[in-house]
Structures are given as C-alpha cells and as structure tokens.
Amino acid sequence: MAAVNEDRMQATERLQRELAALIATVEHPNGTCMVTASPKGEIKALHLHPSLLQQGAQAVGQVVTETVRLATNAAVQASFNKMALALGDGMAIDVESIAGDSPFRSTWNPVVPPKAPAEQAPPERRPRTPRAEDSDDDAFFDNPSWLR
C-alpha cells in the first residue's frame, strides 16, 4: 500500500512539473505575429513580422492581443490534455466541471472572420441511384435461433 501511495505522489509531482513548464506557440492566422505563452498567460516569446508594424499601433495591439489569447488557450488546452492522460478522462471531466470547459471546447470563434464567397447558386443536386433491395437481411433477422 505504501508503494502505491509513493507511486501516486511521484506521478503527482511529475505532473505538476510538466504543467509548470508547459508552453504553447501559436501564429496568428494572418501570419504577422507569433507568440509563445504559458497557461497562466505569461508571454515567453513574441515575434512580429515587419509588415505588421507598418499597419499602426491599433493593428499591432489587436493582432498581439488575439495571438496571446490563442497561445494561452492552446497552452491551457495542452494542460487539460496532459491531465486527462495522467489522471484519466473521468478526473479530467471533474476538473473541467470545477474550472470550466477547456478553451477549445468552450470557444469556437476564429480570430479572422471567414471571407464570404460571392453570391452564387447552390450546386445542382444529382438524383441518387436507388439501392438494390437485399432480402438476405430479413432472412437473418427472422431466424429465431439468433434471438437468444
């Protein structure tokens, strides 16, 4: 029993070390910013493309903020995934019930809105070819010896 408890303690300490060192790197969808962040929101690295700097302070602020949010969400999601692997799905679900949904489950809002395609008529639908009747299925399910 003591060995089991010791193993659990070591596994818990290892998980805590892995979670503390966890980071995620994300590039903004427009390719002008890359951020490495921790699940706590700490910015570990920030890379800006020179073309972003030419767009003005407001654009820089918006893109950096969005990219930091994406990187932090990715790091938090990675920590949820690591916990689920270490503790099992049941415990991960319990943690989510206390802490709230994981970022990728609770948000599905792309940063860059999708471009609306030009108004066009929907593609023409072709009629399906009818399926061939299969009388073997009925014979299989009507067999009383299979209903035990």
Protein backbone atom coordinates (compact mmCIF):
# COMPACT_ATOMS: atom_id res chain seq x y z
CA MET A 1 0.00 0.00 0.00
CA ALA A 2 2.86 2.37 0.82
CA ALA A 3 4.43 1.70 -2.57
CA VAL A 4 1.17 2.60 -4.33
CA ASN A 5 0.94 5.88 -2.41
CA GLU A 6 4.60 6.63 -3.18
CA ASP A 7 3.97 5.99 -6.89
CA ARG A 8 0.96 8.33 -6.82
CA MET A 9 2.97 11.04 -5.09
CA GLN A 10 5.76 10.76 -7.66
CA ALA A 11 3.25 10.83 -10.51
CA THR A 12 1.58 13.91 -9.00
CA GLU A 13 4.91 15.70 -8.62
CA ARG A 14 5.89 14.80 -12.18
CA LEU A 15 2.55 16.11 -13.49
CA GLN A 16 2.97 19.35 -11.54
CA ARG A 17 6.49 19.85 -13.00
CA GLU A 18 5.24 19.14 -16.53
CA LEU A 19 2.30 21.54 -16.14
CA ALA A 20 4.56 24.27 -14.73
CA ALA A 21 6.89 24.00 -17.74
CA LEU A 22 4.11 23.78 -20.31
CA ILE A 23 4.01 26.40 -23.07
CA ALA A 24 2.38 26.70 -26.48
CA THR A 25 3.46 28.61 -29.57
CA VAL A 26 0.81 29.95 -31.93
CA GLU A 27 0.98 32.01 -35.10
CA HIS A 28 -1.78 34.49 -35.84
CA PRO A 29 -3.94 33.37 -38.78
CA ASN A 30 -2.69 36.30 -40.87
CA GLY A 31 0.94 35.25 -40.27
CA THR A 32 2.14 38.57 -38.85
CA CYS A 33 2.64 37.56 -35.21
CA MET A 34 3.85 34.51 -33.30
CA VAL A 35 3.52 34.13 -29.52
CA THR A 36 4.76 31.55 -27.05
CA ALA A 37 2.72 31.62 -23.83
CA SER A 38 2.10 29.63 -20.67
CA PRO A 39 -1.33 28.51 -19.44
CA LYS A 40 -1.15 31.39 -16.93
CA GLY A 41 -0.93 33.88 -19.79
CA GLU A 42 2.76 34.63 -19.36
CA ILE A 43 4.29 35.68 -22.67
CA LYS A 44 7.52 33.73 -23.13
CA ALA A 45 8.29 34.93 -26.68
CA LEU A 46 6.80 37.41 -29.13
CA HIS A 47 7.76 37.72 -32.80
CA LEU A 48 6.28 40.40 -35.04
CA HIS A 49 6.52 40.48 -38.81
CA PRO A 50 7.81 43.87 -40.04
CA SER A 51 4.70 44.32 -42.19
CA LEU A 52 2.54 44.37 -39.04
CA LEU A 53 4.47 47.29 -37.62
CA GLN A 54 3.63 49.34 -40.71
CA GLN A 55 -0.11 48.93 -40.04
CA GLY A 56 -0.15 51.19 -36.98
CA ALA A 57 -0.36 50.83 -33.23
CA GLN A 58 -4.00 49.78 -33.10
CA ALA A 59 -3.47 46.91 -35.58
CA VAL A 60 -0.35 45.78 -33.71
CA GLY A 61 -2.22 45.82 -30.40
CA GLN A 62 -5.17 43.89 -31.79
CA VAL A 63 -3.08 41.20 -33.50
CA VAL A 64 -0.77 40.77 -30.49
CA THR A 65 -3.73 40.53 -28.10
CA GLU A 66 -5.51 37.98 -30.29
CA THR A 67 -2.36 35.90 -30.71
CA VAL A 68 -1.61 35.94 -26.97
CA ARG A 69 -5.18 34.75 -26.32
CA LEU A 70 -4.80 31.96 -28.88
CA ALA A 71 -1.43 30.87 -27.45
CA THR A 72 -2.72 30.95 -23.87
CA ASN A 73 -5.79 28.94 -24.88
CA ALA A 74 -3.57 26.42 -26.65
CA ALA A 75 -1.36 26.10 -23.54
CA VAL A 76 -4.39 25.68 -21.27
CA GLN A 77 -5.79 23.06 -23.66
CA ALA A 78 -2.45 21.24 -23.64
CA SER A 79 -2.56 21.21 -19.82
CA PHE A 80 -6.10 19.76 -19.90
CA ASN A 81 -4.89 17.10 -22.34
CA LYS A 82 -1.88 16.27 -20.16
CA MET A 83 -4.09 16.00 -17.07
CA ALA A 84 -6.51 13.71 -18.91
CA LEU A 85 -3.63 11.44 -19.90
CA ALA A 86 -2.19 11.36 -16.41
CA LEU A 87 -5.39 11.23 -14.35
CA GLY A 88 -7.88 9.66 -16.74
CA ASP A 89 -10.86 11.11 -18.54
CA GLY A 90 -13.13 10.85 -15.51
CA MET A 91 -10.88 13.03 -13.39
CA ALA A 92 -10.37 15.45 -16.28
CA ILE A 93 -14.14 15.84 -16.59
CA ASP A 94 -14.31 16.53 -12.84
CA VAL A 95 -11.59 19.19 -13.18
CA GLU A 96 -13.49 20.78 -16.08
CA SER A 97 -16.68 20.85 -14.00
CA ILE A 98 -14.81 22.88 -11.38
CA ALA A 99 -12.53 25.01 -13.59
CA GLY A 100 -14.87 25.38 -16.56
CA ASP A 101 -14.70 23.97 -20.06
CA SER A 102 -11.36 23.65 -21.78
CA PRO A 103 -10.66 26.53 -24.19
CA PHE A 104 -11.10 24.54 -27.38
CA ARG A 105 -14.39 23.11 -26.15
CA SER A 106 -15.85 26.39 -24.90
CA THR A 107 -14.82 28.63 -27.79
CA TRP A 108 -15.16 28.16 -31.46
CA ASN A 109 -14.66 31.62 -32.75
CA PRO A 110 -11.97 32.07 -35.35
CA VAL A 111 -9.99 35.27 -34.98
CA VAL A 112 -10.18 36.13 -38.65
CA PRO A 113 -13.76 36.03 -39.89
CA PRO A 114 -14.17 33.75 -42.89
CA LYS A 115 -14.48 35.51 -46.20
CA ALA A 116 -17.98 35.23 -47.59
CA PRO A 117 -17.99 33.68 -51.04
CA ALA A 118 -19.56 35.65 -53.84
CA GLU A 119 -23.27 35.04 -54.13
CA GLN A 120 -23.69 32.00 -56.27
CA ALA A 121 -26.38 29.48 -56.86
CA PRO A 122 -26.08 26.29 -54.85
CA PRO A 123 -24.62 23.37 -56.77
CA GLU A 124 -27.13 21.33 -58.69
CA ARG A 125 -28.11 18.15 -56.89
CA ARG A 126 -28.00 14.91 -58.78
CA PRO A 127 -30.62 12.30 -58.03
CA ARG A 128 -29.32 9.23 -56.22
CA THR A 129 -29.45 5.86 -57.81
CA PRO A 130 -31.84 3.63 -55.90
CA ARG A 131 -30.28 0.97 -53.73
CA ALA A 132 -30.77 -2.64 -54.57
CA GLU A 133 -33.03 -4.48 -52.16
CA ASP A 134 -31.22 -7.06 -50.05
CA SER A 135 -33.51 -9.85 -48.97
CA ASP A 136 -30.75 -11.63 -47.02
CA ASP A 137 -31.03 -9.18 -44.10
CA ASP A 138 -34.64 -10.10 -43.47
CA ALA A 139 -33.82 -13.78 -43.50
CA PHE A 140 -31.02 -13.23 -40.98
CA PHE A 141 -33.15 -11.27 -38.51
CA ASP A 142 -36.17 -13.56 -38.89
CA ASN A 143 -34.14 -16.56 -37.80
CA PRO A 144 -35.34 -17.37 -34.22
CA SER A 145 -32.08 -19.10 -33.31
CA TRP A 146 -30.28 -15.75 -33.48
CA LEU A 147 -32.64 -14.08 -30.97
CA ARG A 148 -31.26 -15.68 -27.81
